[in-house]
Amino acid sequence: MATENVIVTLDEAQFERVRGAVRAGGTRNVPGVKQHAVAMSRSASQQITHWARIGRELESAVSVSHREIADVLTGRGSYDALSAEQQAVIRAGWIELLDARIRALDLAEEFAGQGRSYVELDESGQVVRRTP
């Protein structure tokens, strides 16, 4: 399954709606949450939690430039040129992207489709060879 990297930018009003929904414990009134959640292989609740983490990092990092962060996340900018606060935001984004990619992996299906055998550990820790 192919995954797509999506960078979400919320204006202040959207962020306030997200934060209000998180406080209220619901997701129905948060615009776009389901679409972004599906694109990133998350539940709606996980998507809101992700936005809240990013928001927390942004609020605590006064010197964060959204443009510089987006440039690094899309490969156009240098991570090393960012401040410590900006690097923290980037790391949070990378963790979320990696988690989404790991959740999307189905190596058993991929290997079966290629006719490849593989080995893995079973529930008891024994090596098992899987063949297509």
C-alpha atoms as a PDB file:
ATOM      1  CA  MET A   1       0.000   0.000   0.000  1.00  0.00           C
ATOM      2  CA  ALA A   2       1.457   3.361  -0.988  1.00  0.00           C
ATOM      3  CA  THR A   3       1.370   6.156   1.552  1.00  0.00           C
ATOM      4  CA  GLU A   4       1.310   9.834   0.842  1.00  0.00           C
ATOM      5  CA  ASN A   5       3.013  12.487   2.943  1.00  0.00           C
ATOM      6  CA  VAL A   6       0.666  15.300   3.807  1.00  0.00           C
ATOM      7  CA  ILE A   7       1.660  18.521   5.542  1.00  0.00           C
ATOM      8  CA  VAL A   8      -1.252  20.074   7.346  1.00  0.00           C
ATOM      9  CA  THR A   9      -1.302  23.794   8.053  1.00  0.00           C
ATOM     10  CA  LEU A  10      -4.000  25.123  10.348  1.00  0.00           C
ATOM     11  CA  ASP A  11      -4.799  28.788  10.686  1.00  0.00           C
ATOM     12  CA  GLU A  12      -5.486  30.110  14.180  1.00  0.00           C
ATOM     13  CA  ALA A  13      -9.258  29.641  13.924  1.00  0.00           C
ATOM     14  CA  GLN A  14      -8.903  26.032  12.750  1.00  0.00           C
ATOM     15  CA  PHE A  15      -6.422  25.288  15.522  1.00  0.00           C
ATOM     16  CA  GLU A  16      -8.830  26.718  18.104  1.00  0.00           C
ATOM     17  CA  ARG A  17     -11.640  24.494  16.741  1.00  0.00           C
ATOM     18  CA  VAL A  18      -9.365  21.454  16.980  1.00  0.00           C
ATOM     19  CA  ARG A  19      -8.289  22.348  20.509  1.00  0.00           C
ATOM     20  CA  GLY A  20     -11.928  22.903  21.506  1.00  0.00           C
ATOM     21  CA  ALA A  21     -12.935  19.535  20.082  1.00  0.00           C
ATOM     22  CA  VAL A  22     -10.112  17.805  21.933  1.00  0.00           C
ATOM     23  CA  ARG A  23     -11.225  19.435  25.183  1.00  0.00           C
ATOM     24  CA  ALA A  24     -14.818  18.381  24.505  1.00  0.00           C
ATOM     25  CA  GLY A  25     -13.695  14.852  23.660  1.00  0.00           C
ATOM     26  CA  GLY A  26     -15.298  14.773  20.223  1.00  0.00           C
ATOM     27  CA  THR A  27     -14.202  14.823  16.571  1.00  0.00           C
ATOM     28  CA  ARG A  28     -17.421  15.524  14.653  1.00  0.00           C
ATOM     29  CA  ASN A  29     -16.991  19.309  14.589  1.00  0.00           C
ATOM     30  CA  VAL A  30     -13.343  19.340  13.496  1.00  0.00           C
ATOM     31  CA  PRO A  31     -13.145  20.191   9.776  1.00  0.00           C
ATOM     32  CA  GLY A  32     -11.066  17.802   7.698  1.00  0.00           C
ATOM     33  CA  VAL A  33     -10.060  15.497  10.534  1.00  0.00           C
ATOM     34  CA  LYS A  34     -11.384  12.331   8.882  1.00  0.00           C
ATOM     35  CA  GLN A  35      -9.767  13.096   5.513  1.00  0.00           C
ATOM     36  CA  HIS A  36      -6.386  13.869   7.092  1.00  0.00           C
ATOM     37  CA  ALA A  37      -6.654  10.837   9.374  1.00  0.00           C
ATOM     38  CA  VAL A  38      -7.280   8.504   6.435  1.00  0.00           C
ATOM     39  CA  ALA A  39      -4.412  10.054   4.438  1.00  0.00           C
ATOM     40  CA  MET A  40      -2.022   9.444   7.339  1.00  0.00           C
ATOM     41  CA  SER A  41      -3.389   5.993   8.335  1.00  0.00           C
ATOM     42  CA  ARG A  42      -4.682   7.291  11.676  1.00  0.00           C
ATOM     43  CA  SER A  43      -7.989   7.254  13.479  1.00  0.00           C
ATOM     44  CA  ALA A  44      -9.730  10.611  13.893  1.00  0.00           C
ATOM     45  CA  SER A  45      -8.717  10.599  17.555  1.00  0.00           C
ATOM     46  CA  GLN A  46      -5.067   9.895  16.646  1.00  0.00           C
ATOM     47  CA  GLN A  47      -5.146  12.723  14.087  1.00  0.00           C
ATOM     48  CA  ILE A  48      -6.389  15.215  16.654  1.00  0.00           C
ATOM     49  CA  THR A  49      -3.733  14.015  19.108  1.00  0.00           C
ATOM     50  CA  HIS A  50      -1.108  14.524  16.385  1.00  0.00           C
ATOM     51  CA  TRP A  51      -2.338  18.061  15.704  1.00  0.00           C
ATOM     52  CA  ALA A  52      -2.334  18.775  19.438  1.00  0.00           C
ATOM     53  CA  ARG A  53       1.308  17.600  19.757  1.00  0.00           C
ATOM     54  CA  ILE A  54       2.375  19.788  16.869  1.00  0.00           C
ATOM     55  CA  GLY A  55       0.403  22.699  18.302  1.00  0.00           C
ATOM     56  CA  ARG A  56       2.048  22.256  21.686  1.00  0.00           C
ATOM     57  CA  GLU A  57       5.487  22.310  20.067  1.00  0.00           C
ATOM     58  CA  LEU A  58       4.607  25.374  17.998  1.00  0.00           C
ATOM     59  CA  GLU A  59       3.164  27.263  20.948  1.00  0.00           C
ATOM     60  CA  SER A  60       6.257  26.566  23.050  1.00  0.00           C
ATOM     61  CA  ALA A  61       8.660  27.530  20.239  1.00  0.00           C
ATOM     62  CA  VAL A  62       8.275  31.253  19.651  1.00  0.00           C
ATOM     63  CA  SER A  63      10.955  31.328  16.947  1.00  0.00           C
ATOM     64  CA  VAL A  64       9.459  28.556  14.793  1.00  0.00           C
ATOM     65  CA  SER A  65       9.136  29.409  11.111  1.00  0.00           C
ATOM     66  CA  HIS A  66       6.404  27.314   9.511  1.00  0.00           C
ATOM     67  CA  ARG A  67       7.990  27.796   6.087  1.00  0.00           C
ATOM     68  CA  GLU A  68      11.390  26.488   7.222  1.00  0.00           C
ATOM     69  CA  ILE A  69       9.763  23.470   8.868  1.00  0.00           C
ATOM     70  CA  ALA A  70       7.719  22.683   5.760  1.00  0.00           C
ATOM     71  CA  ASP A  71      10.891  23.025   3.644  1.00  0.00           C
ATOM     72  CA  VAL A  72      12.731  20.456   5.773  1.00  0.00           C
ATOM     73  CA  LEU A  73       9.778  18.033   5.845  1.00  0.00           C
ATOM     74  CA  THR A  74       9.554  18.180   2.040  1.00  0.00           C
ATOM     75  CA  GLY A  75      13.329  17.859   1.526  1.00  0.00           C
ATOM     76  CA  ARG A  76      13.930  21.432   0.364  1.00  0.00           C
ATOM     77  CA  GLY A  77      15.596  22.694   3.551  1.00  0.00           C
ATOM     78  CA  SER A  78      18.403  21.734   5.910  1.00  0.00           C
ATOM     79  CA  TYR A  79      17.581  20.305   9.334  1.00  0.00           C
ATOM     80  CA  ASP A  80      20.957  21.443  10.687  1.00  0.00           C
ATOM     81  CA  ALA A  81      20.193  25.078   9.833  1.00  0.00           C
ATOM     82  CA  LEU A  82      17.156  25.119  12.155  1.00  0.00           C
ATOM     83  CA  SER A  83      17.031  26.231  15.783  1.00  0.00           C
ATOM     84  CA  ALA A  84      16.657  23.634  18.551  1.00  0.00           C
ATOM     85  CA  GLU A  85      12.948  24.469  18.837  1.00  0.00           C
ATOM     86  CA  GLN A  86      12.396  24.052  15.111  1.00  0.00           C
ATOM     87  CA  GLN A  87      14.297  20.756  15.146  1.00  0.00           C
ATOM     88  CA  ALA A  88      11.970  19.521  17.914  1.00  0.00           C
ATOM     89  CA  VAL A  89       8.961  20.226  15.698  1.00  0.00           C
ATOM     90  CA  ILE A  90      10.646  18.442  12.786  1.00  0.00           C
ATOM     91  CA  ARG A  91      11.393  15.391  14.945  1.00  0.00           C
ATOM     92  CA  ALA A  92       7.741  15.236  16.028  1.00  0.00           C
ATOM     93  CA  GLY A  93       6.723  15.328  12.355  1.00  0.00           C
ATOM     94  CA  TRP A  94       9.211  12.631  11.419  1.00  0.00           C
ATOM     95  CA  ILE A  95       7.982  10.373  14.222  1.00  0.00           C
ATOM     96  CA  GLU A  96       4.415  10.729  12.982  1.00  0.00           C
ATOM     97  CA  LEU A  97       5.430  10.034   9.362  1.00  0.00           C
ATOM     98  CA  LEU A  98       7.448   6.966  10.380  1.00  0.00           C
ATOM     99  CA  ASP A  99       4.592   5.649  12.527  1.00  0.00           C
ATOM    100  CA  ALA A 100       2.192   6.025   9.598  1.00  0.00           C
ATOM    101  CA  ARG A 101       4.545   4.188   7.248  1.00  0.00           C
ATOM    102  CA  ILE A 102       5.109   1.377   9.738  1.00  0.00           C
ATOM    103  CA  ARG A 103       1.340   0.971  10.245  1.00  0.00           C
ATOM    104  CA  ALA A 104       0.892   0.789   6.464  1.00  0.00           C
ATOM    105  CA  LEU A 105       3.471  -1.986   6.005  1.00  0.00           C
ATOM    106  CA  ASP A 106       2.220  -5.446   5.089  1.00  0.00           C
ATOM    107  CA  LEU A 107       5.409  -7.287   4.239  1.00  0.00           C
ATOM    108  CA  ALA A 108       3.742 -10.699   4.291  1.00  0.00           C
ATOM    109  CA  GLU A 109       1.396  -9.572   1.508  1.00  0.00           C
ATOM    110  CA  GLU A 110       4.218  -7.868  -0.381  1.00  0.00           C
ATOM    111  CA  PHE A 111       6.484 -10.925  -0.223  1.00  0.00           C
ATOM    112  CA  ALA A 112       3.625 -13.265  -1.189  1.00  0.00           C
ATOM    113  CA  GLY A 113       2.888 -11.056  -4.195  1.00  0.00           C
ATOM    114  CA  GLN A 114       6.542 -11.338  -5.237  1.00  0.00           C
ATOM    115  CA  GLY A 115       6.662 -15.080  -4.593  1.00  0.00           C
ATOM    116  CA  ARG A 116       9.367 -14.614  -1.927  1.00  0.00           C
ATOM    117  CA  SER A 117       9.932 -16.664   1.200  1.00  0.00           C
ATOM    118  CA  TYR A 118      10.850 -15.037   4.498  1.00  0.00           C
ATOM    119  CA  VAL A 119      11.512 -15.941   8.114  1.00  0.00           C
ATOM    120  CA  GLU A 120      10.046 -14.451  11.265  1.00  0.00           C
ATOM    121  CA  LEU A 121       9.635 -15.244  14.932  1.00  0.00           C
ATOM    122  CA  ASP A 122       6.402 -16.865  16.053  1.00  0.00           C
ATOM    123  CA  GLU A 123       4.587 -16.094  19.319  1.00  0.00           C
ATOM    124  CA  SER A 124       6.965 -18.343  21.283  1.00  0.00           C
ATOM    125  CA  GLY A 125      10.112 -16.818  19.766  1.00  0.00           C
ATOM    126  CA  GLN A 126      10.881 -19.684  17.389  1.00  0.00           C
ATOM    127  CA  VAL A 127      12.121 -18.981  13.857  1.00  0.00           C
ATOM    128  CA  VAL A 128       9.483 -19.893  11.273  1.00  0.00           C
ATOM    129  CA  ARG A 129       9.991 -19.945   7.505  1.00  0.00           C
ATOM    130  CA  ARG A 130       7.048 -18.595   5.498  1.00  0.00           C
ATOM    131  CA  THR A 131       6.666 -19.550   1.859  1.00  0.00           C
ATOM    132  CA  PRO A 132       4.151 -18.153  -0.638  1.00  0.00           C
END
